[in-house]
PDB file of N, CA and C in Angstrom:
ATOM      1  N   UNK A   1     100.212  89.240  99.500  1.00  0.00           N
ATOM      2  CA  UNK A   1     100.368  90.602  98.776  1.00  0.00           C
ATOM      3  C   UNK A   1     102.025  91.058  99.114  1.00  0.00           C
ATOM      4  N   UNK A   2     102.583  91.451  97.780  1.00  0.00           N
ATOM      5  CA  UNK A   2     103.730  91.894  98.056  1.00  0.00           C
ATOM      6  C   UNK A   2     103.741  93.148  97.882  1.00  0.00           C
ATOM      7  N   UNK A   3     102.652  93.835  97.435  1.00  0.00           N
ATOM      8  CA  UNK A   3     102.387  95.003  97.183  1.00  0.00           C
ATOM      9  C   UNK A   3     100.852  95.469  97.617  1.00  0.00           C
ATOM     10  N   UNK A   4     101.025  97.039  98.155  1.00  0.00           N
ATOM     11  CA  UNK A   4      99.648  97.171  98.460  1.00  0.00           C
ATOM     12  C   UNK A   4      99.588  98.929  98.249  1.00  0.00           C
ATOM     13  N   UNK A   5      98.584  99.579  97.575  1.00  0.00           N
ATOM     14  CA  UNK A   5      98.739 100.892  97.422  1.00  0.00           C
ATOM     15  C   UNK A   5      98.729 101.665  98.649  1.00  0.00           C
ATOM     16  N   UNK A   6      99.569 102.727  98.684  1.00  0.00           N
ATOM     17  CA  UNK A   6      99.626 103.439 100.046  1.00  0.00           C
ATOM     18  C   UNK A   6      99.422 105.070  99.505  1.00  0.00           C
ATOM     19  N   UNK A   7      98.452 105.604  99.830  1.00  0.00           N
ATOM     20  CA  UNK A   7      97.715 106.691  99.730  1.00  0.00           C
ATOM     21  C   UNK A   7      98.375 107.632 100.625  1.00  0.00           C
ATOM     22  N   UNK A   8      99.370 108.567 100.186  1.00  0.00           N
ATOM     23  CA  UNK A   8      99.948 109.438 101.505  1.00  0.00           C
ATOM     24  C   UNK A   8      99.080 110.413 101.791  1.00  0.00           C
ATOM     25  N   UNK A   9      98.278 111.039 101.024  1.00  0.00           N
ATOM     26  CA  UNK A   9      97.275 111.765 101.554  1.00  0.00           C
ATOM     27  C   UNK A   9      96.113 111.241 102.577  1.00  0.00           C
ATOM     28  N   UNK A  10      95.760 109.821 101.974  1.00  0.00           N
ATOM     29  CA  UNK A  10      94.547 109.393 103.182  1.00  0.00           C
ATOM     30  C   UNK A  10      95.370 109.063 104.304  1.00  0.00           C
ATOM     31  N   UNK A  11      96.630 108.481 104.161  1.00  0.00           N
ATOM     32  CA  UNK A  11      97.353 108.111 105.354  1.00  0.00           C
ATOM     33  C   UNK A  11      97.648 109.309 106.395  1.00  0.00           C
ATOM     34  N   UNK A  12      98.207 110.251 105.844  1.00  0.00           N
ATOM     35  CA  UNK A  12      98.222 111.372 106.722  1.00  0.00           C
ATOM     36  C   UNK A  12      96.856 111.935 107.310  1.00  0.00           C
ATOM     37  N   UNK A  13      96.004 111.997 106.512  1.00  0.00           N
ATOM     38  CA  UNK A  13      94.674 112.413 107.131  1.00  0.00           C
ATOM     39  C   UNK A  13      94.288 111.337 108.252  1.00  0.00           C
ATOM     40  N   UNK A  14      94.178 110.203 108.054  1.00  0.00           N
ATOM     41  CA  UNK A  14      94.222 109.408 109.060  1.00  0.00           C
ATOM     42  C   UNK A  14      94.854 109.229 110.298  1.00  0.00           C
ATOM     43  N   UNK A  15      96.006 109.505 110.168  1.00  0.00           N
ATOM     44  CA  UNK A  15      96.846 109.343 111.161  1.00  0.00           C
ATOM     45  C   UNK A  15      97.540 110.842 111.658  1.00  0.00           C
ATOM     46  N   UNK A  16      96.684 111.868 111.406  1.00  0.00           N
ATOM     47  CA  UNK A  16      97.483 113.044 112.105  1.00  0.00           C
ATOM     48  C   UNK A  16      97.431 112.961 113.624  1.00  0.00           C
ATOM     49  N   UNK A  17      96.579 112.332 114.509  1.00  0.00           N
ATOM     50  CA  UNK A  17      96.366 112.429 115.750  1.00  0.00           C
ATOM     51  C   UNK A  17      97.339 111.251 116.520  1.00  0.00           C
ATOM     52  N   UNK A  18      98.200 110.631 115.613  1.00  0.00           N
ATOM     53  CA  UNK A  18      99.123 109.695 116.274  1.00  0.00           C
ATOM     54  C   UNK A  18     100.626 110.127 116.369  1.00  0.00           C
ATOM     55  N   UNK A  19     101.335 109.772 117.193  1.00  0.00           N
ATOM     56  CA  UNK A  19     102.723 110.000 117.505  1.00  0.00           C
ATOM     57  C   UNK A  19     103.351 109.412 116.378  1.00  0.00           C
ATOM     58  N   UNK A  20     104.885 109.953 116.274  1.00  0.00           N
ATOM     59  CA  UNK A  20     105.532 109.484 115.350  1.00  0.00           C
ATOM     60  C   UNK A  20     105.666 107.629 115.564  1.00  0.00           C
ATOM     61  N   UNK A  21     106.049 107.429 116.776  1.00  0.00           N
ATOM     62  CA  UNK A  21     106.017 106.066 117.249  1.00  0.00           C
ATOM     63  C   UNK A  21     104.560 105.356 116.788  1.00  0.00           C
ATOM     64  N   UNK A  22     103.485 105.893 117.034  1.00  0.00           N
ATOM     65  CA  UNK A  22     102.455 105.118 116.723  1.00  0.00           C
ATOM     66  C   UNK A  22     102.358 105.043 115.398  1.00  0.00           C
ATOM     67  N   UNK A  23     102.605 105.982 114.514  1.00  0.00           N
ATOM     68  CA  UNK A  23     102.609 105.853 113.093  1.00  0.00           C
ATOM     69  C   UNK A  23     103.416 104.817 112.538  1.00  0.00           C
ATOM     70  N   UNK A  24     104.721 104.672 113.202  1.00  0.00           N
ATOM     71  CA  UNK A  24     105.433 103.666 112.636  1.00  0.00           C
ATOM     72  C   UNK A  24     104.978 102.134 112.585  1.00  0.00           C
ATOM     73  N   UNK A  25     104.397 102.160 114.061  1.00  0.00           N
ATOM     74  CA  UNK A  25     103.684 100.766 114.411  1.00  0.00           C
ATOM     75  C   UNK A  25     102.537 100.572 113.668  1.00  0.00           C
ATOM     76  N   UNK A  26     101.758 101.576 113.092  1.00  0.00           N
ATOM     77  CA  UNK A  26     100.939 101.229 112.180  1.00  0.00           C
ATOM     78  C   UNK A  26     101.286 100.854 111.019  1.00  0.00           C
ATOM     79  N   UNK A  27     102.251 101.543 110.588  1.00  0.00           N
ATOM     80  CA  UNK A  27     102.608 101.005 109.293  1.00  0.00           C
ATOM     81  C   UNK A  27     102.920  99.529 109.263  1.00  0.00           C
ATOM     82  N   UNK A  28     103.873  99.341 110.349  1.00  0.00           N
ATOM     83  CA  UNK A  28     104.312  97.837 110.659  1.00  0.00           C
ATOM     84  C   UNK A  28     103.329  96.916 110.503  1.00  0.00           C
ATOM     85  N   UNK A  29     102.002  97.329 111.340  1.00  0.00           N
ATOM     86  CA  UNK A  29     101.025  96.455 111.388  1.00  0.00           C
ATOM     87  C   UNK A  29     100.387  96.273 109.808  1.00  0.00           C
ATOM     88  N   UNK A  30     100.106  97.533 109.325  1.00  0.00           N
ATOM     89  CA  UNK A  30      99.793  97.106 107.855  1.00  0.00           C
ATOM     90  C   UNK A  30     100.567  96.173 107.026  1.00  0.00           C
ATOM     91  N   UNK A  31     101.836  96.384 106.960  1.00  0.00           N
ATOM     92  CA  UNK A  31     102.628  95.411 106.252  1.00  0.00           C
ATOM     93  C   UNK A  31     102.502  94.285 106.752  1.00  0.00           C
ATOM     94  N   UNK A  32     102.269  93.817 107.726  1.00  0.00           N
ATOM     95  CA  UNK A  32     102.160  92.408 108.177  1.00  0.00           C
ATOM     96  C   UNK A  32     100.714  92.053 107.848  1.00  0.00           C
ATOM     97  N   UNK A  33      99.787  92.778 108.037  1.00  0.00           N
ATOM     98  CA  UNK A  33      98.469  92.341 107.469  1.00  0.00           C
ATOM     99  C   UNK A  33      98.389  92.112 106.181  1.00  0.00           C
ATOM    100  N   UNK A  34      98.720  92.895 104.991  1.00  0.00           N
ATOM    101  CA  UNK A  34      99.173  92.744 103.638  1.00  0.00           C
ATOM    102  C   UNK A  34     100.051  91.575 103.516  1.00  0.00           C
ATOM    103  N   UNK A  35     101.080  91.138 104.259  1.00  0.00           N
ATOM    104  CA  UNK A  35     101.886  90.422 103.767  1.00  0.00           C
ATOM    105  C   UNK A  35     101.125  89.045 104.303  1.00  0.00           C
ATOM    106  N   UNK A  36     100.604  88.599 105.279  1.00  0.00           N
ATOM    107  CA  UNK A  36      99.740  87.532 105.736  1.00  0.00           C
ATOM    108  C   UNK A  36      98.434  87.481 104.987  1.00  0.00           C
ATOM    109  N   UNK A  37      97.860  88.536 104.317  1.00  0.00           N
ATOM    110  CA  UNK A  37      96.475  88.589 104.041  1.00  0.00           C
ATOM    111  C   UNK A  37      95.303  88.138 104.968  1.00  0.00           C
ATOM    112  N   UNK A  38      95.597  88.316 106.111  1.00  0.00           N
ATOM    113  CA  UNK A  38      94.968  88.081 107.320  1.00  0.00           C
ATOM    114  C   UNK A  38      94.955  88.791 108.367  1.00  0.00           C
ATOM    115  N   UNK A  39      93.821  88.887 109.229  1.00  0.00           N
ATOM    116  CA  UNK A  39      93.966  89.518 110.340  1.00  0.00           C
ATOM    117  C   UNK A  39      95.222  89.593 111.467  1.00  0.00           C
ATOM    118  N   UNK A  40      95.289  90.365 111.864  1.00  0.00           N
ATOM    119  CA  UNK A  40      96.441  90.557 112.892  1.00  0.00           C
ATOM    120  C   UNK A  40      96.255  89.424 114.130  1.00  0.00           C
ATOM    121  N   UNK A  41      97.176  88.745 114.555  1.00  0.00           N
ATOM    122  CA  UNK A  41      96.979  87.743 115.708  1.00  0.00           C
ATOM    123  C   UNK A  41      95.997  88.524 116.795  1.00  0.00           C
ATOM    124  N   UNK A  42      95.335  87.838 117.401  1.00  0.00           N
ATOM    125  CA  UNK A  42      94.392  88.286 118.367  1.00  0.00           C
ATOM    126  C   UNK A  42      95.364  88.276 119.781  1.00  0.00           C
ATOM    127  N   UNK A  43      96.276  87.406 119.861  1.00  0.00           N
ATOM    128  CA  UNK A  43      97.007  87.256 120.801  1.00  0.00           C
ATOM    129  C   UNK A  43      98.070  88.663 121.089  1.00  0.00           C
ATOM    130  N   UNK A  44      97.819  89.509 121.684  1.00  0.00           N
ATOM    131  CA  UNK A  44      98.892  90.646 121.631  1.00  0.00           C
ATOM    132  C   UNK A  44     100.213  90.404 121.777  1.00  0.00           C
ATOM    133  N   UNK A  45     100.337  89.681 122.791  1.00  0.00           N
ATOM    134  CA  UNK A  45     101.866  89.052 123.201  1.00  0.00           C
ATOM    135  C   UNK A  45     102.752  88.524 121.988  1.00  0.00           C
ATOM    136  N   UNK A  46     102.086  87.553 121.220  1.00  0.00           N
ATOM    137  CA  UNK A  46     102.653  87.027 120.094  1.00  0.00           C
ATOM    138  C   UNK A  46     102.647  88.057 118.760  1.00  0.00           C
ATOM    139  N   UNK A  47     101.344  88.903 118.805  1.00  0.00           N
ATOM    140  CA  UNK A  47     101.595  90.054 117.754  1.00  0.00           C
ATOM    141  C   UNK A  47     102.768  91.016 118.050  1.00  0.00           C
ATOM    142  N   UNK A  48     102.875  91.489 119.104  1.00  0.00           N
ATOM    143  CA  UNK A  48     103.880  92.468 119.595  1.00  0.00           C
ATOM    144  C   UNK A  48     105.280  91.896 119.156  1.00  0.00           C
ATOM    145  N   UNK A  49     105.353  90.446 119.791  1.00  0.00           N
ATOM    146  CA  UNK A  49     106.806  90.016 119.253  1.00  0.00           C
ATOM    147  C   UNK A  49     107.177  90.051 117.984  1.00  0.00           C
ATOM    148  N   UNK A  50     106.123  89.519 117.190  1.00  0.00           N
ATOM    149  CA  UNK A  50     106.245  89.743 115.409  1.00  0.00           C
ATOM    150  C   UNK A  50     106.792  91.030 115.096  1.00  0.00           C
ATOM    151  N   UNK A  51     106.163  92.252 115.773  1.00  0.00           N
ATOM    152  CA  UNK A  51     105.925  93.394 115.316  1.00  0.00           C
ATOM    153  C   UNK A  51     107.643  94.218 116.043  1.00  0.00           C
ATOM    154  N   UNK A  52     108.015  93.488 116.837  1.00  0.00           N
ATOM    155  CA  UNK A  52     109.304  94.097 117.758  1.00  0.00           C
ATOM    156  C   UNK A  52     108.769  95.042 118.276  1.00  0.00           C
ATOM    157  N   UNK A  53     107.744  94.937 119.268  1.00  0.00           N
ATOM    158  CA  UNK A  53     107.121  96.018 120.041  1.00  0.00           C
ATOM    159  C   UNK A  53     107.364  95.256 121.581  1.00  0.00           C
ATOM    160  N   UNK A  54     108.349  96.057 122.422  1.00  0.00           N
ATOM    161  CA  UNK A  54     108.557  95.518 123.580  1.00  0.00           C
ATOM    162  C   UNK A  54     108.585  96.423 124.815  1.00  0.00           C
ATOM    163  N   UNK A  55     109.103  97.639 124.312  1.00  0.00           N
ATOM    164  CA  UNK A  55     109.309  98.707 125.307  1.00  0.00           C
ATOM    165  C   UNK A  55     107.787  99.039 126.112  1.00  0.00           C
ATOM    166  N   UNK A  56     107.650  99.637 127.311  1.00  0.00           N
ATOM    167  CA  UNK A  56     106.173  99.913 127.957  1.00  0.00           C
ATOM    168  C   UNK A  56     105.708 101.237 126.981  1.00  0.00           C
ATOM    169  N   UNK A  57     106.389 101.922 126.287  1.00  0.00           N
ATOM    170  CA  UNK A  57     105.856 102.986 125.466  1.00  0.00           C
ATOM    171  C   UNK A  57     105.484 102.515 124.020  1.00  0.00           C
ATOM    172  N   UNK A  58     106.463 101.428 123.656  1.00  0.00           N
ATOM    173  CA  UNK A  58     105.849 100.687 122.414  1.00  0.00           C
ATOM    174  C   UNK A  58     104.491 100.087 122.525  1.00  0.00           C
ATOM    175  N   UNK A  59     104.816  99.294 123.647  1.00  0.00           N
ATOM    176  CA  UNK A  59     103.250  98.538 124.019  1.00  0.00           C
ATOM    177  C   UNK A  59     101.878  99.531 123.979  1.00  0.00           C
ATOM    178  N   UNK A  60     102.189 100.535 124.782  1.00  0.00           N
ATOM    179  CA  UNK A  60     101.098 101.720 124.898  1.00  0.00           C
ATOM    180  C   UNK A  60     101.019 102.056 123.435  1.00  0.00           C
ATOM    181  N   UNK A  61     101.806 102.230 122.693  1.00  0.00           N
ATOM    182  CA  UNK A  61     101.480 102.997 121.586  1.00  0.00           C
ATOM    183  C   UNK A  61     100.762 101.925 120.775  1.00  0.00           C
ATOM    184  N   UNK A  62     101.264 100.731 120.541  1.00  0.00           N
ATOM    185  CA  UNK A  62     100.538  99.632 119.891  1.00  0.00           C
ATOM    186  C   UNK A  62      99.034  99.337 120.189  1.00  0.00           C
ATOM    187  N   UNK A  63      99.008  99.376 121.542  1.00  0.00           N
ATOM    188  CA  UNK A  63      97.329  99.155 121.856  1.00  0.00           C
ATOM    189  C   UNK A  63      96.504 100.311 121.509  1.00  0.00           C
ATOM    190  N   UNK A  64      97.125 101.595 121.557  1.00  0.00           N
ATOM    191  CA  UNK A  64      96.446 102.530 121.007  1.00  0.00           C
ATOM    192  C   UNK A  64      96.142 102.844 119.414  1.00  0.00           C
ATOM    193  N   UNK A  65      97.085 102.321 118.565  1.00  0.00           N
ATOM    194  CA  UNK A  65      96.609 101.812 117.158  1.00  0.00           C
ATOM    195  C   UNK A  65      96.016 100.860 116.912  1.00  0.00           C
ATOM    196  N   UNK A  66      95.690  99.525 117.558  1.00  0.00           N
ATOM    197  CA  UNK A  66      94.815  98.902 117.736  1.00  0.00           C
ATOM    198  C   UNK A  66      93.315  99.022 117.853  1.00  0.00           C
ATOM    199  N   UNK A  67      93.373  99.974 118.969  1.00  0.00           N
ATOM    200  CA  UNK A  67      92.274 100.198 119.350  1.00  0.00           C
ATOM    201  C   UNK A  67      91.414 101.482 118.249  1.00  0.00           C
ATOM    202  N   UNK A  68      92.594 101.853 117.772  1.00  0.00           N
ATOM    203  CA  UNK A  68      92.091 103.243 116.883  1.00  0.00           C
ATOM    204  C   UNK A  68      91.613 102.792 115.427  1.00  0.00           C
ATOM    205  N   UNK A  69      92.397 101.467 114.961  1.00  0.00           N
ATOM    206  CA  UNK A  69      92.024 101.299 113.399  1.00  0.00           C
ATOM    207  C   UNK A  69      91.757  99.671 113.378  1.00  0.00           C
ATOM    208  N   UNK A  70      91.724  98.844 114.373  1.00  0.00           N
ATOM    209  CA  UNK A  70      91.187  97.609 114.111  1.00  0.00           C
ATOM    210  C   UNK A  70      90.270  97.301 115.025  1.00  0.00           C
ATOM    211  N   UNK A  71      89.350  96.173 114.647  1.00  0.00           N
ATOM    212  CA  UNK A  71      88.716  95.438 115.453  1.00  0.00           C
ATOM    213  C   UNK A  71      88.806  94.139 115.718  1.00  0.00           C
ATOM    214  N   UNK A  72      88.884  93.706 116.766  1.00  0.00           N
ATOM    215  CA  UNK A  72      88.839  92.545 117.571  1.00  0.00           C
ATOM    216  C   UNK A  72      87.790  91.430 117.242  1.00  0.00           C
ATOM    217  N   UNK A  73      88.089  90.383 116.738  1.00  0.00           N
ATOM    218  CA  UNK A  73      87.112  89.482 116.191  1.00  0.00           C
ATOM    219  C   UNK A  73      87.674  88.233 116.499  1.00  0.00           C
ATOM    220  N   UNK A  74      86.924  87.104 116.088  1.00  0.00           N
ATOM    221  CA  UNK A  74      87.327  85.527 116.596  1.00  0.00           C
ATOM    222  C   UNK A  74      88.298  85.403 115.530  1.00  0.00           C
ATOM    223  N   UNK A  75      88.597  85.910 114.206  1.00  0.00           N
ATOM    224  CA  UNK A  75      89.527  85.697 113.391  1.00  0.00           C
ATOM    225  C   UNK A  75      91.095  86.582 114.012  1.00  0.00           C
ATOM    226  N   UNK A  76      90.731  87.329 114.731  1.00  0.00           N
ATOM    227  CA  UNK A  76      91.998  88.227 115.078  1.00  0.00           C
ATOM    228  C   UNK A  76      91.598  89.735 115.091  1.00  0.00           C
ATOM    229  N   UNK A  77      92.640  90.802 114.765  1.00  0.00           N
ATOM    230  CA  UNK A  77      92.584  92.144 114.725  1.00  0.00           C
ATOM    231  C   UNK A  77      92.287  92.359 113.156  1.00  0.00           C
ATOM    232  N   UNK A  78      91.068  92.895 112.888  1.00  0.00           N
ATOM    233  CA  UNK A  78      90.681  93.268 111.432  1.00  0.00           C
ATOM    234  C   UNK A  78      90.622  94.779 111.197  1.00  0.00           C
ATOM    235  N   UNK A  79      91.161  94.996 110.146  1.00  0.00           N
ATOM    236  CA  UNK A  79      91.261  96.220 109.500  1.00  0.00           C
ATOM    237  C   UNK A  79      90.427  96.345 108.174  1.00  0.00           C
ATOM    238  N   UNK A  80      89.200  97.015 108.219  1.00  0.00           N
ATOM    239  CA  UNK A  80      88.034  97.137 107.311  1.00  0.00           C
ATOM    240  C   UNK A  80      89.002  97.681 105.913  1.00  0.00           C
ATOM    241  N   UNK A  81      89.778  98.604 106.117  1.00  0.00           N
ATOM    242  CA  UNK A  81      90.293  99.016 104.771  1.00  0.00           C
ATOM    243  C   UNK A  81      91.134  98.133 103.965  1.00  0.00           C
ATOM    244  N   UNK A  82      92.061  97.170 104.861  1.00  0.00           N
ATOM    245  CA  UNK A  82      92.930  96.494 104.390  1.00  0.00           C
ATOM    246  C   UNK A  82      92.304  95.351 103.836  1.00  0.00           C
ATOM    247  N   UNK A  83      91.164  95.008 104.286  1.00  0.00           N
ATOM    248  CA  UNK A  83      90.297  93.757 104.033  1.00  0.00           C
ATOM    249  C   UNK A  83      89.628  93.849 102.628  1.00  0.00           C
ATOM    250  N   UNK A  84      89.293  95.299 102.270  1.00  0.00           N
ATOM    251  CA  UNK A  84      88.515  95.529 101.314  1.00  0.00           C
ATOM    252  C   UNK A  84      89.666  95.596 100.307  1.00  0.00           C
ATOM    253  N   UNK A  85      90.992  96.144 100.406  1.00  0.00           N
ATOM    254  CA  UNK A  85      91.860  96.145  99.696  1.00  0.00           C
ATOM    255  C   UNK A  85      92.388  94.679  99.013  1.00  0.00           C
ATOM    256  N   UNK A  86      92.467  94.005  99.908  1.00  0.00           N
ATOM    257  CA  UNK A  86      92.747  92.686  99.855  1.00  0.00           C
ATOM    258  C   UNK A  86      91.795  91.734  99.062  1.00  0.00           C
ATOM    259  N   UNK A  87      90.527  92.050  99.271  1.00  0.00           N
ATOM    260  CA  UNK A  87      89.450  91.255  98.424  1.00  0.00           C
ATOM    261  C   UNK A  87      89.165  91.938  97.032  1.00  0.00           C
ATOM    262  N   UNK A  88      89.771  93.208  96.849  1.00  0.00           N
ATOM    263  CA  UNK A  88      89.856  93.864  95.624  1.00  0.00           C
ATOM    264  C   UNK A  88      90.842  93.141  94.700  1.00  0.00           C
ATOM    265  N   UNK A  89      92.007  92.819  95.392  1.00  0.00           N
ATOM    266  CA  UNK A  89      93.346  92.164  94.800  1.00  0.00           C
ATOM    267  C   UNK A  89      92.775  91.025  94.251  1.00  0.00           C
TER     268      UNK A  89
END
């Protein structure tokens, strides 16, 4: 997908507990998810390299985001909301 709806109010409500760093990483994760139309890589080393997540602070933030918004499956890190939007597309 080269476009997905971004509802500001919904995003803000879902992410109020995140730091600015976590919010940025979450947006990057969603962009990658929609671009590939597939779950994020299960291998966090490879995933974080794609997302340019490298410092200890960024790695910790990315782990928090994965645990908050994604579920690890055999296919990779799945975001139910993104999956529903992709299916609707």
